[in-house]
Amino acid sequence: KGIGAVIDGCPAGLPLDIDYMQAELDRRRPGQ
């Protein structure tokens, strides 16, 4: 049904740029 990851230990207060994360996934994704 899907895949995923759990990250433990990342410090609090880090701004998380979802668009950047998606751009990184787009570089790896199939069919590009």
All heavy atoms as atom14 arrays in JSON, in Angstrom:
{
  "sequence": "KGIGAVIDGCPAGLPLDIDYMQAELDRRRPGQ",
  "atom14_mask": [
    [1, 1, 1, 1, 1, 1, 1, 1, 1, 0, 0, 0, 0, 0],
    [1, 1, 1, 1, 0, 0, 0, 0, 0, 0, 0, 0, 0, 0],
    [1, 1, 1, 1, 1, 1, 1, 1, 0, 0, 0, 0, 0, 0],
    [1, 1, 1, 1, 0, 0, 0, 0, 0, 0, 0, 0, 0, 0],
    [1, 1, 1, 1, 1, 0, 0, 0, 0, 0, 0, 0, 0, 0],
    [1, 1, 1, 1, 1, 1, 1, 0, 0, 0, 0, 0, 0, 0],
    [1, 1, 1, 1, 1, 1, 1, 1, 0, 0, 0, 0, 0, 0],
    [1, 1, 1, 1, 1, 1, 1, 1, 0, 0, 0, 0, 0, 0],
    [1, 1, 1, 1, 0, 0, 0, 0, 0, 0, 0, 0, 0, 0],
    [1, 1, 1, 1, 1, 1, 0, 0, 0, 0, 0, 0, 0, 0],
    [1, 1, 1, 1, 1, 1, 1, 0, 0, 0, 0, 0, 0, 0],
    [1, 1, 1, 1, 1, 0, 0, 0, 0, 0, 0, 0, 0, 0],
    [1, 1, 1, 1, 0, 0, 0, 0, 0, 0, 0, 0, 0, 0],
    [1, 1, 1, 1, 1, 1, 1, 1, 0, 0, 0, 0, 0, 0],
    [1, 1, 1, 1, 1, 1, 1, 0, 0, 0, 0, 0, 0, 0],
    [1, 1, 1, 1, 1, 1, 1, 1, 0, 0, 0, 0, 0, 0],
    [1, 1, 1, 1, 1, 1, 1, 1, 0, 0, 0, 0, 0, 0],
    [1, 1, 1, 1, 1, 1, 1, 1, 0, 0, 0, 0, 0, 0],
    [1, 1, 1, 1, 1, 1, 1, 1, 0, 0, 0, 0, 0, 0],
    [1, 1, 1, 1, 1, 1, 1, 1, 1, 1, 1, 1, 0, 0],
    [1, 1, 1, 1, 1, 1, 1, 1, 0, 0, 0, 0, 0, 0],
    [1, 1, 1, 1, 1, 1, 1, 1, 1, 0, 0, 0, 0, 0],
    [1, 1, 1, 1, 1, 0, 0, 0, 0, 0, 0, 0, 0, 0],
    [1, 1, 1, 1, 1, 1, 1, 1, 1, 0, 0, 0, 0, 0],
    [1, 1, 1, 1, 1, 1, 1, 1, 0, 0, 0, 0, 0, 0],
    [1, 1, 1, 1, 1, 1, 1, 1, 0, 0, 0, 0, 0, 0],
    [1, 1, 1, 1, 1, 1, 1, 1, 1, 1, 1, 0, 0, 0],
    [1, 1, 1, 1, 1, 1, 1, 1, 1, 1, 1, 0, 0, 0],
    [1, 1, 1, 1, 1, 1, 1, 1, 1, 1, 1, 0, 0, 0],
    [1, 1, 1, 1, 1, 1, 1, 0, 0, 0, 0, 0, 0, 0],
    [1, 1, 1, 1, 0, 0, 0, 0, 0, 0, 0, 0, 0, 0],
    [1, 1, 1, 1, 1, 1, 1, 1, 1, 0, 0, 0, 0, 0]
  ],
  "atom14_positions": [
    [[0.81, -1.22, 0.0], [0.0, 0.0, 0.0], [0.85, 1.27, 0.0], [0.41, 2.31, -0.48], [-0.93, 0.0, 1.21], [-2.02, -1.07, 1.15], [-2.96, -0.97, 2.34], [-4.07, -2.0, 2.24], [-5.0, -1.92, 3.4], [0.0, 0.0, 0.0], [0.0, 0.0, 0.0], [0.0, 0.0, 0.0], [0.0, 0.0, 0.0], [0.0, 0.0, 0.0]],
    [[2.04, 1.16, 0.56], [2.88, 2.35, 0.59], [4.18, 2.08, 1.31], [4.46, 0.97, 1.77], [0.0, 0.0, 0.0], [0.0, 0.0, 0.0], [0.0, 0.0, 0.0], [0.0, 0.0, 0.0], [0.0, 0.0, 0.0], [0.0, 0.0, 0.0], [0.0, 0.0, 0.0], [0.0, 0.0, 0.0], [0.0, 0.0, 0.0], [0.0, 0.0, 0.0]],
    [[5.0, 3.11, 1.42], [6.28, 3.05, 2.1], [6.41, 4.29, 2.97], [5.58, 5.22, 2.89], [7.46, 2.98, 1.1], [7.4, 4.18, 0.12], [7.46, 1.67, 0.34], [8.56, 4.24, -0.82], [0.0, 0.0, 0.0], [0.0, 0.0, 0.0], [0.0, 0.0, 0.0], [0.0, 0.0, 0.0], [0.0, 0.0, 0.0], [0.0, 0.0, 0.0]],
    [[7.43, 4.34, 3.79], [7.6, 5.53, 4.61], [8.8, 5.44, 5.51], [9.59, 4.49, 5.45], [0.0, 0.0, 0.0], [0.0, 0.0, 0.0], [0.0, 0.0, 0.0], [0.0, 0.0, 0.0], [0.0, 0.0, 0.0], [0.0, 0.0, 0.0], [0.0, 0.0, 0.0], [0.0, 0.0, 0.0], [0.0, 0.0, 0.0], [0.0, 0.0, 0.0]],
    [[8.96, 6.46, 6.35], [10.09, 6.53, 7.26], [9.66, 7.19, 8.56], [8.77, 8.04, 8.58], [11.24, 7.32, 6.64], [0.0, 0.0, 0.0], [0.0, 0.0, 0.0], [0.0, 0.0, 0.0], [0.0, 0.0, 0.0], [0.0, 0.0, 0.0], [0.0, 0.0, 0.0], [0.0, 0.0, 0.0], [0.0, 0.0, 0.0], [0.0, 0.0, 0.0]],
    [[10.31, 6.79, 9.65], [10.16, 7.44, 10.95], [11.52, 7.97, 11.36], [12.51, 7.23, 11.36], [9.62, 6.47, 12.02], [9.52, 7.18, 13.37], [8.27, 5.91, 11.61], [0.0, 0.0, 0.0], [0.0, 0.0, 0.0], [0.0, 0.0, 0.0], [0.0, 0.0, 0.0], [0.0, 0.0, 0.0], [0.0, 0.0, 0.0], [0.0, 0.0, 0.0]],
    [[11.6, 9.25, 11.68], [12.85, 9.88, 12.09], [12.77, 10.19, 13.58], [11.88, 10.91, 14.03], [13.09, 11.18, 11.31], [13.07, 10.92, 9.8], [14.42, 11.82, 11.73], [13.07, 12.19, 8.98], [0.0, 0.0, 0.0], [0.0, 0.0, 0.0], [0.0, 0.0, 0.0], [0.0, 0.0, 0.0], [0.0, 0.0, 0.0], [0.0, 0.0, 0.0]],
    [[13.69, 9.62, 14.34], [13.82, 9.93, 15.76], [15.06, 10.81, 15.95], [16.07, 10.62, 15.28], [14.0, 8.66, 16.59], [12.7, 7.89, 16.75], [11.72, 8.5, 17.19], [12.69, 6.69, 16.44], [0.0, 0.0, 0.0], [0.0, 0.0, 0.0], [0.0, 0.0, 0.0], [0.0, 0.0, 0.0], [0.0, 0.0, 0.0], [0.0, 0.0, 0.0]],
    [[14.98, 11.76, 16.88], [16.17, 12.52, 17.26], [16.37, 13.83, 16.54], [17.36, 14.52, 16.79], [0.0, 0.0, 0.0], [0.0, 0.0, 0.0], [0.0, 0.0, 0.0], [0.0, 0.0, 0.0], [0.0, 0.0, 0.0], [0.0, 0.0, 0.0], [0.0, 0.0, 0.0], [0.0, 0.0, 0.0], [0.0, 0.0, 0.0], [0.0, 0.0, 0.0]],
    [[15.45, 14.2, 15.67], [15.59, 15.5, 15.01], [15.25, 16.6, 16.03], [14.19, 16.56, 16.65], [14.66, 15.61, 13.8], [14.86, 17.16, 12.87], [0.0, 0.0, 0.0], [0.0, 0.0, 0.0], [0.0, 0.0, 0.0], [0.0, 0.0, 0.0], [0.0, 0.0, 0.0], [0.0, 0.0, 0.0], [0.0, 0.0, 0.0], [0.0, 0.0, 0.0]],
    [[16.12, 17.57, 16.22], [15.86, 18.61, 17.22], [14.57, 19.38, 16.94], [14.17, 19.54, 15.78], [17.09, 19.53, 17.1], [18.14, 18.69, 16.48], [17.42, 17.74, 15.56], [0.0, 0.0, 0.0], [0.0, 0.0, 0.0], [0.0, 0.0, 0.0], [0.0, 0.0, 0.0], [0.0, 0.0, 0.0], [0.0, 0.0, 0.0], [0.0, 0.0, 0.0]],
    [[13.94, 19.84, 17.99], [12.74, 20.65, 17.84], [13.1, 22.04, 17.34], [14.22, 22.53, 17.55], [12.03, 20.77, 19.19], [0.0, 0.0, 0.0], [0.0, 0.0, 0.0], [0.0, 0.0, 0.0], [0.0, 0.0, 0.0], [0.0, 0.0, 0.0], [0.0, 0.0, 0.0], [0.0, 0.0, 0.0], [0.0, 0.0, 0.0], [0.0, 0.0, 0.0]],
    [[12.16, 22.66, 16.63], [12.35, 24.03, 16.17], [12.93, 24.17, 14.79], [13.15, 25.3, 14.32], [0.0, 0.0, 0.0], [0.0, 0.0, 0.0], [0.0, 0.0, 0.0], [0.0, 0.0, 0.0], [0.0, 0.0, 0.0], [0.0, 0.0, 0.0], [0.0, 0.0, 0.0], [0.0, 0.0, 0.0], [0.0, 0.0, 0.0], [0.0, 0.0, 0.0]],
    [[13.17, 23.04, 14.09], [13.72, 23.12, 12.74], [12.6, 23.4, 11.75], [11.64, 22.62, 11.65], [14.4, 21.8, 12.37], [14.94, 21.71, 10.94], [16.15, 22.62, 10.77], [15.31, 20.26, 10.59], [0.0, 0.0, 0.0], [0.0, 0.0, 0.0], [0.0, 0.0, 0.0], [0.0, 0.0, 0.0], [0.0, 0.0, 0.0], [0.0, 0.0, 0.0]],
    [[12.67, 24.5, 11.0], [11.65, 24.75, 9.97], [11.69, 23.64, 8.92], [12.76, 23.32, 8.39], [12.08, 26.1, 9.37], [12.91, 26.74, 10.43], [13.64, 25.6, 11.11], [0.0, 0.0, 0.0], [0.0, 0.0, 0.0], [0.0, 0.0, 0.0], [0.0, 0.0, 0.0], [0.0, 0.0, 0.0], [0.0, 0.0, 0.0], [0.0, 0.0, 0.0]],
    [[10.54, 23.04, 8.64], [10.48, 21.92, 7.71], [9.81, 22.38, 6.42], [8.63, 22.71, 6.41], [9.71, 20.76, 8.32], [10.04, 19.38, 7.77], [11.45, 18.99, 8.13], [9.06, 18.33, 8.29], [0.0, 0.0, 0.0], [0.0, 0.0, 0.0], [0.0, 0.0, 0.0], [0.0, 0.0, 0.0], [0.0, 0.0, 0.0], [0.0, 0.0, 0.0]],
    [[10.58, 22.41, 5.36], [10.11, 22.86, 4.06], [9.56, 21.67, 3.28], [10.33, 20.89, 2.7], [11.26, 23.53, 3.3], [10.83, 24.18, 2.0], [9.75, 23.85, 1.5], [11.59, 25.02, 1.48], [0.0, 0.0, 0.0], [0.0, 0.0, 0.0], [0.0, 0.0, 0.0], [0.0, 0.0, 0.0], [0.0, 0.0, 0.0], [0.0, 0.0, 0.0]],
    [[8.25, 21.49, 3.28], [7.63, 20.35, 2.61], [7.85, 20.42, 1.1], [8.04, 19.39, 0.45], [6.12, 20.29, 2.92], [5.89, 20.24, 4.44], [5.49, 19.06, 2.25], [6.51, 19.06, 5.12], [0.0, 0.0, 0.0], [0.0, 0.0, 0.0], [0.0, 0.0, 0.0], [0.0, 0.0, 0.0], [0.0, 0.0, 0.0], [0.0, 0.0, 0.0]],
    [[7.85, 21.61, 0.54], [8.08, 21.75, -0.9], [9.48, 21.26, -1.27], [9.67, 20.63, -2.32], [7.9, 23.21, -1.33], [6.45, 23.66, -1.25], [5.55, 22.8, -1.3], [6.22, 24.88, -1.15], [0.0, 0.0, 0.0], [0.0, 0.0, 0.0], [0.0, 0.0, 0.0], [0.0, 0.0, 0.0], [0.0, 0.0, 0.0], [0.0, 0.0, 0.0]],
    [[10.45, 21.56, -0.42], [11.82, 21.09, -0.68], [11.87, 19.56, -0.6], [12.49, 18.9, -1.44], [12.79, 21.7, 0.33], [14.18, 21.13, 0.26], [15.05, 21.47, -0.77], [14.63, 20.21, 1.22], [16.32, 20.93, -0.84], [15.9, 19.66, 1.15], [16.74, 20.03, 0.11], [18.0, 19.48, 0.03], [0.0, 0.0, 0.0], [0.0, 0.0, 0.0]],
    [[11.22, 19.0, 0.41], [11.19, 17.55, 0.54], [10.56, 16.9, -0.68], [11.06, 15.9, -1.2], [10.42, 17.15, 1.8], [10.47, 15.67, 2.12], [9.39, 15.22, 3.51], [10.07, 16.26, 4.8], [0.0, 0.0, 0.0], [0.0, 0.0, 0.0], [0.0, 0.0, 0.0], [0.0, 0.0, 0.0], [0.0, 0.0, 0.0], [0.0, 0.0, 0.0]],
    [[9.47, 17.49, -1.17], [8.82, 16.95, -2.35], [9.7, 17.07, -3.59], [9.75, 16.17, -4.43], [7.49, 17.67, -2.58], [6.62, 17.03, -3.66], [6.24, 15.6, -3.32], [5.66, 15.34, -2.27], [6.58, 14.68, -4.2], [0.0, 0.0, 0.0], [0.0, 0.0, 0.0], [0.0, 0.0, 0.0], [0.0, 0.0, 0.0], [0.0, 0.0, 0.0]],
    [[10.43, 18.17, -3.69], [11.34, 18.36, -4.82], [12.44, 17.3, -4.81], [12.85, 16.8, -5.88], [11.95, 19.76, -4.77], [0.0, 0.0, 0.0], [0.0, 0.0, 0.0], [0.0, 0.0, 0.0], [0.0, 0.0, 0.0], [0.0, 0.0, 0.0], [0.0, 0.0, 0.0], [0.0, 0.0, 0.0], [0.0, 0.0, 0.0], [0.0, 0.0, 0.0]],
    [[12.92, 16.94, -3.63], [13.92, 15.89, -3.53], [13.35, 14.55, -3.99], [14.0, 13.79, -4.71], [14.44, 15.78, -2.1], [15.32, 16.93, -1.66], [16.62, 16.95, -2.43], [17.54, 16.17, -2.11], [16.74, 17.77, -3.37], [0.0, 0.0, 0.0], [0.0, 0.0, 0.0], [0.0, 0.0, 0.0], [0.0, 0.0, 0.0], [0.0, 0.0, 0.0]],
    [[12.12, 14.26, -3.59], [11.47, 13.03, -4.02], [11.23, 13.02, -5.53], [11.33, 11.98, -6.19], [10.15, 12.85, -3.28], [10.27, 12.32, -1.85], [8.99, 12.55, -1.08], [10.62, 10.83, -1.86], [0.0, 0.0, 0.0], [0.0, 0.0, 0.0], [0.0, 0.0, 0.0], [0.0, 0.0, 0.0], [0.0, 0.0, 0.0], [0.0, 0.0, 0.0]],
    [[10.92, 14.18, -6.09], [10.71, 14.27, -7.53], [11.98, 13.95, -8.31], [11.92, 13.46, -9.44], [10.21, 15.67, -7.91], [8.79, 15.94, -7.43], [8.09, 14.97, -7.08], [8.39, 17.12, -7.4], [0.0, 0.0, 0.0], [0.0, 0.0, 0.0], [0.0, 0.0, 0.0], [0.0, 0.0, 0.0], [0.0, 0.0, 0.0], [0.0, 0.0, 0.0]],
    [[13.13, 14.24, -7.73], [14.4, 13.92, -8.38], [14.61, 12.41, -8.46], [15.28, 11.91, -9.38], [15.57, 14.54, -7.62], [15.58, 16.06, -7.58], [16.68, 16.56, -6.65], [18.01, 16.28, -7.18], [19.1, 16.13, -6.45], [19.01, 16.18, -5.12], [20.27, 15.9, -7.0], [0.0, 0.0, 0.0], [0.0, 0.0, 0.0], [0.0, 0.0, 0.0]],
    [[14.06, 11.67, -7.51], [14.25, 10.22, -7.46], [13.11, 9.44, -8.12], [13.31, 8.3, -8.57], [14.36, 9.77, -6.0], [14.86, 8.31, -5.81], [14.06, 7.59, -4.74], [12.7, 7.33, -5.16], [12.28, 6.18, -5.71], [13.11, 5.17, -5.85], [11.01, 6.04, -6.08], [0.0, 0.0, 0.0], [0.0, 0.0, 0.0], [0.0, 0.0, 0.0]],
    [[11.94, 10.03, -8.21], [10.74, 9.27, -8.55], [10.83, 8.65, -9.95], [11.54, 9.16, -10.83], [9.5, 10.16, -8.45], [9.31, 11.16, -9.57], [7.98, 11.91, -9.41], [7.76, 12.84, -10.49], [7.23, 12.51, -11.67], [6.86, 11.26, -11.89], [7.06, 13.42, -12.61], [0.0, 0.0, 0.0], [0.0, 0.0, 0.0], [0.0, 0.0, 0.0]],
    [[10.11, 7.56, -10.17], [10.08, 6.92, -11.48], [9.3, 7.75, -12.49], [8.58, 8.68, -12.13], [9.39, 5.58, -11.21], [8.52, 5.87, -10.02], [9.29, 6.84, -9.18], [0.0, 0.0, 0.0], [0.0, 0.0, 0.0], [0.0, 0.0, 0.0], [0.0, 0.0, 0.0], [0.0, 0.0, 0.0], [0.0, 0.0, 0.0], [0.0, 0.0, 0.0]],
    [[9.48, 7.41, -13.76], [8.71, 8.05, -14.81], [9.09, 9.48, -15.11], [8.35, 10.21, -15.78], [0.0, 0.0, 0.0], [0.0, 0.0, 0.0], [0.0, 0.0, 0.0], [0.0, 0.0, 0.0], [0.0, 0.0, 0.0], [0.0, 0.0, 0.0], [0.0, 0.0, 0.0], [0.0, 0.0, 0.0], [0.0, 0.0, 0.0], [0.0, 0.0, 0.0]],
    [[10.28, 9.93, -14.67], [10.65, 11.32, -14.87], [11.3, 11.6, -16.22], [11.46, 12.75, -16.6], [11.59, 11.78, -13.74], [12.89, 10.99, -13.64], [13.76, 11.43, -12.49], [14.53, 12.37, -12.64], [13.63, 10.79, -11.34], [0.0, 0.0, 0.0], [0.0, 0.0, 0.0], [0.0, 0.0, 0.0], [0.0, 0.0, 0.0], [0.0, 0.0, 0.0]]
  ]
}
